[in-house]
Amino acid sequence: MVHAYILIQTEVGKAASVAGEISSITGVTKAEDVTGPYDVIVRAEANNVDELGKLVVAQIQSVEGITRTLTCPIVHI
């Protein structure tokens, strides 16, 4: 299982609606709107890196109001 944080920038005033919509996507375990350089932080999981990529590109990035994402896979060192 691969886990990642996805940092999201949104259009002005869209953080709450983006977080709400993303939270219903399968594979997303948490989505919260935050302050700072990013507007929403998502915790997601997938069976492998390829599925994680598909989750981000095909589902998360298609949510209206998102302008940019940064995916940070969790590593165990």
PDB file of N, CA and C in Angstrom:
ATOM      1  N   MET A   1       0.860  -1.182   0.000  1.00  0.00           N
ATOM      2  CA  MET A   1       0.000   0.000   0.000  1.00  0.00           C
ATOM      3  C   MET A   1       0.900   1.237   0.000  1.00  0.00           C
ATOM      4  N   VAL A   2       0.568   2.196  -0.854  1.00  0.00           N
ATOM      5  CA  VAL A   2       1.279   3.466  -0.956  1.00  0.00           C
ATOM      6  C   VAL A   2       0.382   4.565  -0.387  1.00  0.00           C
ATOM      7  N   HIS A   3       0.963   5.388   0.485  1.00  0.00           N
ATOM      8  CA  HIS A   3       0.242   6.523   1.051  1.00  0.00           C
ATOM      9  C   HIS A   3       0.937   7.801   0.591  1.00  0.00           C
ATOM     10  N   ALA A   4       0.178   8.884   0.467  1.00  0.00           N
ATOM     11  CA  ALA A   4       0.759  10.149   0.034  1.00  0.00           C
ATOM     12  C   ALA A   4      -0.058  11.316   0.563  1.00  0.00           C
ATOM     13  N   TYR A   5       0.627  12.445   0.665  1.00  0.00           N
ATOM     14  CA  TYR A   5      -0.045  13.715   0.896  1.00  0.00           C
ATOM     15  C   TYR A   5      -0.088  14.427  -0.439  1.00  0.00           C
ATOM     16  N   ILE A   6      -1.232  15.020  -0.751  1.00  0.00           N
ATOM     17  CA  ILE A   6      -1.376  15.782  -1.985  1.00  0.00           C
ATOM     18  C   ILE A   6      -1.696  17.211  -1.577  1.00  0.00           C
ATOM     19  N   LEU A   7      -0.797  18.117  -1.943  1.00  0.00           N
ATOM     20  CA  LEU A   7      -0.949  19.531  -1.611  1.00  0.00           C
ATOM     21  C   LEU A   7      -1.601  20.206  -2.800  1.00  0.00           C
ATOM     22  N   ILE A   8      -2.655  20.957  -2.542  1.00  0.00           N
ATOM     23  CA  ILE A   8      -3.472  21.502  -3.624  1.00  0.00           C
ATOM     24  C   ILE A   8      -3.619  23.011  -3.502  1.00  0.00           C
ATOM     25  N   GLN A   9      -3.435  23.692  -4.628  1.00  0.00           N
ATOM     26  CA  GLN A   9      -3.754  25.109  -4.718  1.00  0.00           C
ATOM     27  C   GLN A   9      -5.055  25.224  -5.499  1.00  0.00           C
ATOM     28  N   THR A  10      -5.924  26.132  -5.044  1.00  0.00           N
ATOM     29  CA  THR A  10      -7.226  26.297  -5.675  1.00  0.00           C
ATOM     30  C   THR A  10      -7.430  27.735  -6.124  1.00  0.00           C
ATOM     31  N   GLU A  11      -8.473  27.935  -6.878  1.00  0.00           N
ATOM     32  CA  GLU A  11      -8.911  29.288  -7.197  1.00  0.00           C
ATOM     33  C   GLU A  11      -9.377  29.952  -5.904  1.00  0.00           C
ATOM     34  N   VAL A  12      -9.339  31.262  -5.858  1.00  0.00           N
ATOM     35  CA  VAL A  12      -9.735  32.009  -4.662  1.00  0.00           C
ATOM     36  C   VAL A  12     -11.168  31.640  -4.275  1.00  0.00           C
ATOM     37  N   GLY A  13     -11.349  31.320  -3.002  1.00  0.00           N
ATOM     38  CA  GLY A  13     -12.677  31.011  -2.480  1.00  0.00           C
ATOM     39  C   GLY A  13     -13.177  29.603  -2.746  1.00  0.00           C
ATOM     40  N   LYS A  14     -12.350  28.736  -3.323  1.00  0.00           N
ATOM     41  CA  LYS A  14     -12.803  27.386  -3.689  1.00  0.00           C
ATOM     42  C   LYS A  14     -12.301  26.283  -2.763  1.00  0.00           C
ATOM     43  N   ALA A  15     -11.485  26.614  -1.759  1.00  0.00           N
ATOM     44  CA  ALA A  15     -10.853  25.577  -0.934  1.00  0.00           C
ATOM     45  C   ALA A  15     -11.869  24.652  -0.270  1.00  0.00           C
ATOM     46  N   ALA A  16     -12.885  25.200   0.356  1.00  0.00           N
ATOM     47  CA  ALA A  16     -13.860  24.375   1.077  1.00  0.00           C
ATOM     48  C   ALA A  16     -14.617  23.451   0.123  1.00  0.00           C
ATOM     49  N   SER A  17     -15.037  23.956  -1.020  1.00  0.00           N
ATOM     50  CA  SER A  17     -15.788  23.106  -1.954  1.00  0.00           C
ATOM     51  C   SER A  17     -14.894  22.037  -2.564  1.00  0.00           C
ATOM     52  N   VAL A  18     -13.630  22.373  -2.847  1.00  0.00           N
ATOM     53  CA  VAL A  18     -12.691  21.389  -3.394  1.00  0.00           C
ATOM     54  C   VAL A  18     -12.448  20.286  -2.357  1.00  0.00           C
ATOM     55  N   ALA A  19     -12.184  20.657  -1.113  1.00  0.00           N
ATOM     56  CA  ALA A  19     -11.952  19.661  -0.058  1.00  0.00           C
ATOM     57  C   ALA A  19     -13.169  18.762   0.122  1.00  0.00           C
ATOM     58  N   GLY A  20     -14.348  19.342   0.088  1.00  0.00           N
ATOM     59  CA  GLY A  20     -15.570  18.556   0.237  1.00  0.00           C
ATOM     60  C   GLY A  20     -15.760  17.558  -0.882  1.00  0.00           C
ATOM     61  N   GLU A  21     -15.516  17.986  -2.109  1.00  0.00           N
ATOM     62  CA  GLU A  21     -15.683  17.079  -3.241  1.00  0.00           C
ATOM     63  C   GLU A  21     -14.625  15.986  -3.247  1.00  0.00           C
ATOM     64  N   ILE A  22     -13.390  16.348  -2.948  1.00  0.00           N
ATOM     65  CA  ILE A  22     -12.306  15.368  -2.955  1.00  0.00           C
ATOM     66  C   ILE A  22     -12.495  14.324  -1.865  1.00  0.00           C
ATOM     67  N   SER A  23     -13.055  14.709  -0.738  1.00  0.00           N
ATOM     68  CA  SER A  23     -13.199  13.768   0.376  1.00  0.00           C
ATOM     69  C   SER A  23     -14.083  12.572   0.029  1.00  0.00           C
ATOM     70  N   SER A  24     -14.908  12.693  -1.006  1.00  0.00           N
ATOM     71  CA  SER A  24     -15.784  11.585  -1.394  1.00  0.00           C
ATOM     72  C   SER A  24     -15.142  10.638  -2.417  1.00  0.00           C
ATOM     73  N   ILE A  25     -13.926  10.937  -2.860  1.00  0.00           N
ATOM     74  CA  ILE A  25     -13.250  10.097  -3.854  1.00  0.00           C
ATOM     75  C   ILE A  25     -12.661   8.865  -3.163  1.00  0.00           C
ATOM     76  N   THR A  26     -12.875   7.695  -3.745  1.00  0.00           N
ATOM     77  CA  THR A  26     -12.312   6.455  -3.209  1.00  0.00           C
ATOM     78  C   THR A  26     -10.788   6.528  -3.246  1.00  0.00           C
ATOM     79  N   GLY A  27     -10.169   6.209  -2.127  1.00  0.00           N
ATOM     80  CA  GLY A  27      -8.714   6.282  -2.009  1.00  0.00           C
ATOM     81  C   GLY A  27      -8.265   7.486  -1.205  1.00  0.00           C
ATOM     82  N   VAL A  28      -9.147   8.465  -1.057  1.00  0.00           N
ATOM     83  CA  VAL A  28      -8.845   9.640  -0.238  1.00  0.00           C
ATOM     84  C   VAL A  28      -9.293   9.330   1.189  1.00  0.00           C
ATOM     85  N   THR A  29      -8.351   9.420   2.127  1.00  0.00           N
ATOM     86  CA  THR A  29      -8.687   9.128   3.519  1.00  0.00           C
ATOM     87  C   THR A  29      -8.965  10.395   4.319  1.00  0.00           C
ATOM     88  N   LYS A  30      -8.482  11.536   3.844  1.00  0.00           N
ATOM     89  CA  LYS A  30      -8.712  12.808   4.540  1.00  0.00           C
ATOM     90  C   LYS A  30      -8.487  13.945   3.553  1.00  0.00           C
ATOM     91  N   ALA A  31      -9.309  14.974   3.626  1.00  0.00           N
ATOM     92  CA  ALA A  31      -9.143  16.182   2.812  1.00  0.00           C
ATOM     93  C   ALA A  31      -9.546  17.364   3.670  1.00  0.00           C
ATOM     94  N   GLU A  32      -8.610  18.284   3.875  1.00  0.00           N
ATOM     95  CA  GLU A  32      -8.891  19.432   4.731  1.00  0.00           C
ATOM     96  C   GLU A  32      -8.422  20.712   4.076  1.00  0.00           C
ATOM     97  N   ASP A  33      -9.208  21.775   4.227  1.00  0.00           N
ATOM     98  CA  ASP A  33      -8.762  23.071   3.739  1.00  0.00           C
ATOM     99  C   ASP A  33      -7.897  23.703   4.830  1.00  0.00           C
ATOM    100  N   VAL A  34      -6.806  24.333   4.399  1.00  0.00           N
ATOM    101  CA  VAL A  34      -5.803  24.885   5.302  1.00  0.00           C
ATOM    102  C   VAL A  34      -5.425  26.288   4.836  1.00  0.00           C
ATOM    103  N   THR A  35      -4.613  26.979   5.651  1.00  0.00           N
ATOM    104  CA  THR A  35      -4.082  28.271   5.234  1.00  0.00           C
ATOM    105  C   THR A  35      -2.609  28.110   4.893  1.00  0.00           C
ATOM    106  N   GLY A  36      -2.070  29.059   4.154  1.00  0.00           N
ATOM    107  CA  GLY A  36      -0.667  29.007   3.761  1.00  0.00           C
ATOM    108  C   GLY A  36      -0.538  28.936   2.253  1.00  0.00           C
ATOM    109  N   PRO A  37       0.605  28.447   1.766  1.00  0.00           N
ATOM    110  CA  PRO A  37       0.829  28.417   0.318  1.00  0.00           C
ATOM    111  C   PRO A  37      -0.069  27.419  -0.420  1.00  0.00           C
ATOM    112  N   TYR A  38      -0.611  26.442   0.313  1.00  0.00           N
ATOM    113  CA  TYR A  38      -1.563  25.505  -0.277  1.00  0.00           C
ATOM    114  C   TYR A  38      -2.908  25.709   0.397  1.00  0.00           C
ATOM    115  N   ASP A  39      -3.970  25.361  -0.317  1.00  0.00           N
ATOM    116  CA  ASP A  39      -5.321  25.598   0.161  1.00  0.00           C
ATOM    117  C   ASP A  39      -6.001  24.353   0.711  1.00  0.00           C
ATOM    118  N   VAL A  40      -5.594  23.191   0.205  1.00  0.00           N
ATOM    119  CA  VAL A  40      -6.169  21.914   0.635  1.00  0.00           C
ATOM    120  C   VAL A  40      -5.032  20.906   0.758  1.00  0.00           C
ATOM    121  N   ILE A  41      -5.065  20.101   1.814  1.00  0.00           N
ATOM    122  CA  ILE A  41      -4.124  18.994   1.956  1.00  0.00           C
ATOM    123  C   ILE A  41      -4.935  17.710   2.039  1.00  0.00           C
ATOM    124  N   VAL A  42      -4.540  16.744   1.218  1.00  0.00           N
ATOM    125  CA  VAL A  42      -5.252  15.474   1.107  1.00  0.00           C
ATOM    126  C   VAL A  42      -4.324  14.345   1.527  1.00  0.00           C
ATOM    127  N   ARG A  43      -4.841  13.384   2.244  1.00  0.00           N
ATOM    128  CA  ARG A  43      -4.120  12.141   2.527  1.00  0.00           C
ATOM    129  C   ARG A  43      -4.809  11.079   1.681  1.00  0.00           C
ATOM    130  N   ALA A  44      -4.013  10.344   0.900  1.00  0.00           N
ATOM    131  CA  ALA A  44      -4.582   9.345  -0.005  1.00  0.00           C
ATOM    132  C   ALA A  44      -3.795   8.043   0.086  1.00  0.00           C
ATOM    133  N   GLU A  45      -4.434   6.970  -0.360  1.00  0.00           N
ATOM    134  CA  GLU A  45      -3.774   5.666  -0.391  1.00  0.00           C
ATOM    135  C   GLU A  45      -4.174   4.926  -1.656  1.00  0.00           C
ATOM    136  N   ALA A  46      -3.243   4.071  -2.117  1.00  0.00           N
ATOM    137  CA  ALA A  46      -3.490   3.250  -3.299  1.00  0.00           C
ATOM    138  C   ALA A  46      -2.646   1.988  -3.174  1.00  0.00           C
ATOM    139  N   ASN A  47      -2.943   0.996  -3.986  1.00  0.00           N
ATOM    140  CA  ASN A  47      -2.206  -0.268  -3.923  1.00  0.00           C
ATOM    141  C   ASN A  47      -0.767  -0.137  -4.388  1.00  0.00           C
ATOM    142  N   ASN A  48      -0.513   0.772  -5.337  1.00  0.00           N
ATOM    143  CA  ASN A  48       0.845   0.963  -5.842  1.00  0.00           C
ATOM    144  C   ASN A  48       0.977   2.379  -6.411  1.00  0.00           C
ATOM    145  N   VAL A  49       2.182   2.732  -6.829  1.00  0.00           N
ATOM    146  CA  VAL A  49       2.447   4.087  -7.315  1.00  0.00           C
ATOM    147  C   VAL A  49       1.651   4.394  -8.579  1.00  0.00           C
ATOM    148  N   ASP A  50       1.488   3.420  -9.454  1.00  0.00           N
ATOM    149  CA  ASP A  50       0.709   3.649 -10.677  1.00  0.00           C
ATOM    150  C   ASP A  50      -0.742   3.998 -10.346  1.00  0.00           C
ATOM    151  N   GLU A  51      -1.340   3.273  -9.414  1.00  0.00           N
ATOM    152  CA  GLU A  51      -2.725   3.575  -9.018  1.00  0.00           C
ATOM    153  C   GLU A  51      -2.810   4.937  -8.340  1.00  0.00           C
ATOM    154  N   LEU A  52      -1.794   5.287  -7.568  1.00  0.00           N
ATOM    155  CA  LEU A  52      -1.764   6.610  -6.946  1.00  0.00           C
ATOM    156  C   LEU A  52      -1.736   7.691  -8.018  1.00  0.00           C
ATOM    157  N   GLY A  53      -0.912   7.507  -9.023  1.00  0.00           N
ATOM    158  CA  GLY A  53      -0.849   8.469 -10.130  1.00  0.00           C
ATOM    159  C   GLY A  53      -2.180   8.609 -10.839  1.00  0.00           C
ATOM    160  N   LYS A  54      -2.843   7.497 -11.080  1.00  0.00           N
ATOM    161  CA  LYS A  54      -4.162   7.535 -11.727  1.00  0.00           C
ATOM    162  C   LYS A  54      -5.182   8.256 -10.851  1.00  0.00           C
ATOM    163  N   LEU A  55      -5.117   8.015  -9.543  1.00  0.00           N
ATOM    164  CA  LEU A  55      -6.018   8.686  -8.612  1.00  0.00           C
ATOM    165  C   LEU A  55      -5.835  10.202  -8.695  1.00  0.00           C
ATOM    166  N   VAL A  56      -4.590  10.646  -8.688  1.00  0.00           N
ATOM    167  CA  VAL A  56      -4.310  12.079  -8.715  1.00  0.00           C
ATOM    168  C   VAL A  56      -4.705  12.688 -10.055  1.00  0.00           C
ATOM    169  N   VAL A  57      -4.226  12.104 -11.147  1.00  0.00           N
ATOM    170  CA  VAL A  57      -4.437  12.705 -12.468  1.00  0.00           C
ATOM    171  C   VAL A  57      -5.877  12.568 -12.948  1.00  0.00           C
ATOM    172  N   ALA A  58      -6.454  11.394 -12.819  1.00  0.00           N
ATOM    173  CA  ALA A  58      -7.783  11.155 -13.391  1.00  0.00           C
ATOM    174  C   ALA A  58      -8.924  11.646 -12.515  1.00  0.00           C
ATOM    175  N   GLN A  59      -8.734  11.637 -11.191  1.00  0.00           N
ATOM    176  CA  GLN A  59      -9.860  11.972 -10.325  1.00  0.00           C
ATOM    177  C   GLN A  59      -9.673  13.280  -9.570  1.00  0.00           C
ATOM    178  N   ILE A  60      -8.561  13.408  -8.874  1.00  0.00           N
ATOM    179  CA  ILE A  60      -8.380  14.608  -8.051  1.00  0.00           C
ATOM    180  C   ILE A  60      -8.191  15.849  -8.911  1.00  0.00           C
ATOM    181  N   GLN A  61      -7.306  15.779  -9.900  1.00  0.00           N
ATOM    182  CA  GLN A  61      -7.049  16.968 -10.721  1.00  0.00           C
ATOM    183  C   GLN A  61      -8.241  17.385 -11.578  1.00  0.00           C
ATOM    184  N   SER A  62      -9.222  16.510 -11.720  1.00  0.00           N
ATOM    185  CA  SER A  62     -10.392  16.864 -12.518  1.00  0.00           C
ATOM    186  C   SER A  62     -11.433  17.646 -11.717  1.00  0.00           C
ATOM    187  N   VAL A  63     -11.213  17.807 -10.410  1.00  0.00           N
ATOM    188  CA  VAL A  63     -12.152  18.561  -9.580  1.00  0.00           C
ATOM    189  C   VAL A  63     -12.073  20.042  -9.947  1.00  0.00           C
ATOM    190  N   GLU A  64     -13.225  20.637 -10.187  1.00  0.00           N
ATOM    191  CA  GLU A  64     -13.281  22.041 -10.583  1.00  0.00           C
ATOM    192  C   GLU A  64     -12.766  22.945  -9.465  1.00  0.00           C
ATOM    193  N   GLY A  65     -11.914  23.901  -9.835  1.00  0.00           N
ATOM    194  CA  GLY A  65     -11.385  24.857  -8.877  1.00  0.00           C
ATOM    195  C   GLY A  65      -9.932  24.619  -8.510  1.00  0.00           C
ATOM    196  N   ILE A  66      -9.381  23.466  -8.905  1.00  0.00           N
ATOM    197  CA  ILE A  66      -7.976  23.170  -8.610  1.00  0.00           C
ATOM    198  C   ILE A  66      -7.097  23.817  -9.673  1.00  0.00           C
ATOM    199  N   THR A  67      -6.033  24.487  -9.227  1.00  0.00           N
ATOM    200  CA  THR A  67      -5.093  25.087 -10.170  1.00  0.00           C
ATOM    201  C   THR A  67      -3.759  24.356 -10.219  1.00  0.00           C
ATOM    202  N   ARG A  68      -3.372  23.690  -9.117  1.00  0.00           N
ATOM    203  CA  ARG A  68      -2.089  22.987  -9.086  1.00  0.00           C
ATOM    204  C   ARG A  68      -2.086  21.955  -7.968  1.00  0.00           C
ATOM    205  N   THR A  69      -1.393  20.823  -8.216  1.00  0.00           N
ATOM    206  CA  THR A  69      -1.225  19.813  -7.171  1.00  0.00           C
ATOM    207  C   THR A  69       0.245  19.447  -7.043  1.00  0.00           C
ATOM    208  N   LEU A  70       0.609  18.997  -5.852  1.00  0.00           N
ATOM    209  CA  LEU A  70       1.950  18.469  -5.584  1.00  0.00           C
ATOM    210  C   LEU A  70       1.761  17.197  -4.775  1.00  0.00           C
ATOM    211  N   THR A  71       2.185  16.055  -5.331  1.00  0.00           N
ATOM    212  CA  THR A  71       2.005  14.768  -4.669  1.00  0.00           C
ATOM    213  C   THR A  71       3.282  14.390  -3.927  1.00  0.00           C
ATOM    214  N   CYS A  72       3.146  14.070  -2.644  1.00  0.00           N
ATOM    215  CA  CYS A  72       4.282  13.724  -1.789  1.00  0.00           C
ATOM    216  C   CYS A  72       4.080  12.325  -1.221  1.00  0.00           C
ATOM    217  N   PRO A  73       4.616  11.289  -1.881  1.00  0.00           N
ATOM    218  CA  PRO A  73       4.482   9.932  -1.349  1.00  0.00           C
ATOM    219  C   PRO A  73       5.202   9.810  -0.016  1.00  0.00           C
ATOM    220  N   ILE A  74       4.635   9.034   0.885  1.00  0.00           N
ATOM    221  CA  ILE A  74       5.247   8.813   2.196  1.00  0.00           C
ATOM    222  C   ILE A  74       6.259   7.688   2.071  1.00  0.00           C
ATOM    223  N   VAL A  75       7.454   7.923   2.623  1.00  0.00           N
ATOM    224  CA  VAL A  75       8.498   6.899   2.619  1.00  0.00           C
ATOM    225  C   VAL A  75       8.802   6.483   4.053  1.00  0.00           C
ATOM    226  N   HIS A  76       9.232   5.271   4.216  1.00  0.00           N
ATOM    227  CA  HIS A  76       9.595   4.750   5.542  1.00  0.00           C
ATOM    228  C   HIS A  76      11.089   4.440   5.517  1.00  0.00           C
ATOM    229  N   ILE A  77      11.857   5.304   6.138  1.00  0.00           N
ATOM    230  CA  ILE A  77      13.325   5.177   6.105  1.00  0.00           C
ATOM    231  C   ILE A  77      13.800   4.479   7.365  1.00  0.00           C
TER     232      ILE A  77
END
